[in-house]
Each structure stands twice: as structure tokens, then as C-alpha cells.
Amino acid sequence: MGWLWAIIVGLVLGVLAKAILPGKQHSPLWLTVIFGMIGAAVGNSLAGSFGIRNTPGIDWGRHVLQLIAALIIVALGDMLYLAVRGRRRRDRDRDHVDV
């Protein structure tokens, strides 16, 4: 059940981050979920280091840190995805040029 919950949280955080970030993000949904999962883990780690991980009620501080981490990771991950995808596309186009 832990992995299912991590996937659901990753999906929600990743999609929220994509919706908040300006412009179009090009990474596919499966990669967005992974970025969201990483953002959740980083946010939980930061919350633990700030001492707000286990508070009574809803942990708004932890959720905000998770979302901020997801925003950063989705933005950086999308840039990396475009760089790798663009490089592959350029290499493929270069190999198929008729001389």
C-alpha cells in the first residue's frame, strides 16, 4: 500500500507543479509522477529537518515544502528531459541527412 500511496501523491504533486509552472512542460505523465514522488520525498526530508514533520492535525508546512520541492524538480527535470530529447532528435536528424 505504501507504493500505491507514493504514486498517488507523486501524481498529485507532479500535476500541481506542472499546472503552477508557467509555460508548457514537455515531460510525459509517467516522468511527472516520478518527479512528484521525488518532490514528496525531498519535502518530507526538509520538513523533518525543520521539525514540522509530525505535527497534530494537517501538516500544512510539510505539504507546502513538498509542493515547493516538486516545483523545482519538475522544472529542472523538464529542462533535462528536453535537453536529452533534443540531443537525440538532432543526432537522429543528422544521421538521416541526404547529401
C-alpha atoms as a PDB file:
ATOM      1  CA  MET A   1       0.000   0.000   0.000  1.00  0.00           C
ATOM      2  CA  GLY A   2       2.969   2.316   0.570  1.00  0.00           C
ATOM      3  CA  TRP A   3       3.988   2.300  -3.105  1.00  0.00           C
ATOM      4  CA  LEU A   4       0.429   2.953  -4.251  1.00  0.00           C
ATOM      5  CA  TRP A   5       0.190   5.911  -1.888  1.00  0.00           C
ATOM      6  CA  ALA A   6       3.571   7.231  -3.111  1.00  0.00           C
ATOM      7  CA  ILE A   7       2.376   7.011  -6.733  1.00  0.00           C
ATOM      8  CA  ILE A   8      -0.861   8.838  -5.926  1.00  0.00           C
ATOM      9  CA  VAL A   9       0.961  11.598  -4.024  1.00  0.00           C
ATOM     10  CA  GLY A  10       3.538  11.833  -6.830  1.00  0.00           C
ATOM     11  CA  LEU A  11       0.790  12.168  -9.404  1.00  0.00           C
ATOM     12  CA  VAL A  12      -0.971  14.917  -7.462  1.00  0.00           C
ATOM     13  CA  LEU A  13       2.225  16.860  -6.707  1.00  0.00           C
ATOM     14  CA  GLY A  14       3.600  16.474 -10.228  1.00  0.00           C
ATOM     15  CA  VAL A  15       0.387  17.595 -11.913  1.00  0.00           C
ATOM     16  CA  LEU A  16       0.020  20.523  -9.484  1.00  0.00           C
ATOM     17  CA  ALA A  17       3.597  21.579 -10.177  1.00  0.00           C
ATOM     18  CA  LYS A  18       3.025  21.400 -13.939  1.00  0.00           C
ATOM     19  CA  ALA A  19      -0.142  23.482 -13.550  1.00  0.00           C
ATOM     20  CA  ILE A  20       1.608  26.143 -11.459  1.00  0.00           C
ATOM     21  CA  LEU A  21       4.755  26.451 -13.581  1.00  0.00           C
ATOM     22  CA  PRO A  22       4.468  28.971 -16.410  1.00  0.00           C
ATOM     23  CA  GLY A  23       4.709  27.733 -19.981  1.00  0.00           C
ATOM     24  CA  LYS A  24       4.393  24.241 -21.332  1.00  0.00           C
ATOM     25  CA  GLN A  25       6.213  21.325 -19.765  1.00  0.00           C
ATOM     26  CA  HIS A  26       7.093  18.564 -22.197  1.00  0.00           C
ATOM     27  CA  SER A  27       7.832  15.649 -19.896  1.00  0.00           C
ATOM     28  CA  PRO A  28       5.399  12.702 -20.140  1.00  0.00           C
ATOM     29  CA  LEU A  29       2.974  11.822 -17.347  1.00  0.00           C
ATOM     30  CA  TRP A  30       4.999   8.857 -16.066  1.00  0.00           C
ATOM     31  CA  LEU A  31       8.034  11.120 -15.630  1.00  0.00           C
ATOM     32  CA  THR A  32       5.910  13.805 -13.975  1.00  0.00           C
ATOM     33  CA  VAL A  33       4.746  11.217 -11.417  1.00  0.00           C
ATOM     34  CA  ILE A  34       8.359  10.277 -10.686  1.00  0.00           C
ATOM     35  CA  PHE A  35       9.277  13.963 -10.302  1.00  0.00           C
ATOM     36  CA  GLY A  36       6.328  14.375  -7.912  1.00  0.00           C
ATOM     37  CA  MET A  37       7.415  11.347  -5.880  1.00  0.00           C
ATOM     38  CA  ILE A  38      10.932  12.750  -5.590  1.00  0.00           C
ATOM     39  CA  GLY A  39       9.470  16.133  -4.601  1.00  0.00           C
ATOM     40  CA  ALA A  40       7.413  14.475  -1.872  1.00  0.00           C
ATOM     41  CA  ALA A  41      10.484  12.694  -0.501  1.00  0.00           C
ATOM     42  CA  VAL A  42      12.594  15.868  -0.561  1.00  0.00           C
ATOM     43  CA  GLY A  43       9.770  17.869   1.058  1.00  0.00           C
ATOM     44  CA  ASN A  44       9.376  15.263   3.809  1.00  0.00           C
ATOM     45  CA  SER A  45      13.111  15.345   4.443  1.00  0.00           C
ATOM     46  CA  LEU A  46      13.118  19.135   4.670  1.00  0.00           C
ATOM     47  CA  ALA A  47      10.092  19.086   6.969  1.00  0.00           C
ATOM     48  CA  GLY A  48      11.845  16.606   9.227  1.00  0.00           C
ATOM     49  CA  SER A  49      14.942  18.783   9.395  1.00  0.00           C
ATOM     50  CA  PHE A  50      12.792  21.817  10.271  1.00  0.00           C
ATOM     51  CA  GLY A  51      10.933  19.864  12.961  1.00  0.00           C
ATOM     52  CA  ILE A  52       7.481  20.085  11.343  1.00  0.00           C
ATOM     53  CA  ARG A  53       7.192  16.528  10.065  1.00  0.00           C
ATOM     54  CA  ASN A  54       4.959  15.145  12.812  1.00  0.00           C
ATOM     55  CA  THR A  55       2.558  17.817  13.976  1.00  0.00           C
ATOM     56  CA  PRO A  56      -1.006  17.376  15.221  1.00  0.00           C
ATOM     57  CA  GLY A  57      -3.648  17.817  12.535  1.00  0.00           C
ATOM     58  CA  ILE A  58      -2.858  18.531   8.915  1.00  0.00           C
ATOM     59  CA  ASP A  59       0.826  19.126   8.232  1.00  0.00           C
ATOM     60  CA  TRP A  60       0.420  22.211   6.042  1.00  0.00           C
ATOM     61  CA  GLY A  61       4.068  23.120   6.379  1.00  0.00           C
ATOM     62  CA  ARG A  62       5.143  19.689   5.164  1.00  0.00           C
ATOM     63  CA  HIS A  63       2.725  19.858   2.233  1.00  0.00           C
ATOM     64  CA  VAL A  64       3.989  23.301   1.220  1.00  0.00           C
ATOM     65  CA  LEU A  65       7.594  22.057   1.333  1.00  0.00           C
ATOM     66  CA  GLN A  66       6.621  19.026  -0.767  1.00  0.00           C
ATOM     67  CA  LEU A  67       4.976  21.260  -3.363  1.00  0.00           C
ATOM     68  CA  ILE A  68       7.947  23.655  -3.485  1.00  0.00           C
ATOM     69  CA  ALA A  69      10.333  20.727  -3.929  1.00  0.00           C
ATOM     70  CA  ALA A  70       8.083  19.261  -6.644  1.00  0.00           C
ATOM     71  CA  LEU A  71       8.001  22.622  -8.451  1.00  0.00           C
ATOM     72  CA  ILE A  72      11.781  22.796  -8.508  1.00  0.00           C
ATOM     73  CA  ILE A  73      12.241  19.162  -9.517  1.00  0.00           C
ATOM     74  CA  VAL A  74       9.581  19.294 -12.260  1.00  0.00           C
ATOM     75  CA  ALA A  75      11.131  22.471 -13.694  1.00  0.00           C
ATOM     76  CA  LEU A  76      14.681  21.103 -13.637  1.00  0.00           C
ATOM     77  CA  GLY A  77      13.602  17.648 -14.764  1.00  0.00           C
ATOM     78  CA  ASP A  78      11.664  19.062 -17.702  1.00  0.00           C
ATOM     79  CA  MET A  79      14.693  21.071 -18.816  1.00  0.00           C
ATOM     80  CA  LEU A  80      16.839  17.949 -18.601  1.00  0.00           C
ATOM     81  CA  TYR A  81      14.210  15.925 -20.469  1.00  0.00           C
ATOM     82  CA  LEU A  82      14.117  18.497 -23.279  1.00  0.00           C
ATOM     83  CA  ALA A  83      17.907  18.603 -23.459  1.00  0.00           C
ATOM     84  CA  VAL A  84      18.170  14.820 -23.757  1.00  0.00           C
ATOM     85  CA  ARG A  85      15.242  14.550 -26.155  1.00  0.00           C
ATOM     86  CA  GLY A  86      16.539  17.427 -28.259  1.00  0.00           C
ATOM     87  CA  ARG A  87      20.006  15.893 -28.446  1.00  0.00           C
ATOM     88  CA  ARG A  88      18.560  12.565 -29.584  1.00  0.00           C
ATOM     89  CA  ARG A  89      16.407  14.283 -32.180  1.00  0.00           C
ATOM     90  CA  ARG A  90      19.386  16.279 -33.527  1.00  0.00           C
ATOM     91  CA  ASP A  91      21.507  13.123 -33.717  1.00  0.00           C
ATOM     92  CA  ARG A  92      18.724  11.245 -35.497  1.00  0.00           C
ATOM     93  CA  ASP A  93      18.192  14.095 -37.970  1.00  0.00           C
ATOM     94  CA  ARG A  94      21.919  14.383 -38.616  1.00  0.00           C
ATOM     95  CA  ASP A  95      22.177  10.639 -39.343  1.00  0.00           C
ATOM     96  CA  HIS A  96      19.344  10.814 -41.883  1.00  0.00           C
ATOM     97  CA  VAL A  97      20.503  13.835 -43.864  1.00  0.00           C
ATOM     98  CA  ASP A  98      20.749  13.149 -47.597  1.00  0.00           C
ATOM     99  CA  VAL A  99      23.938  14.520 -49.082  1.00  0.00           C
END
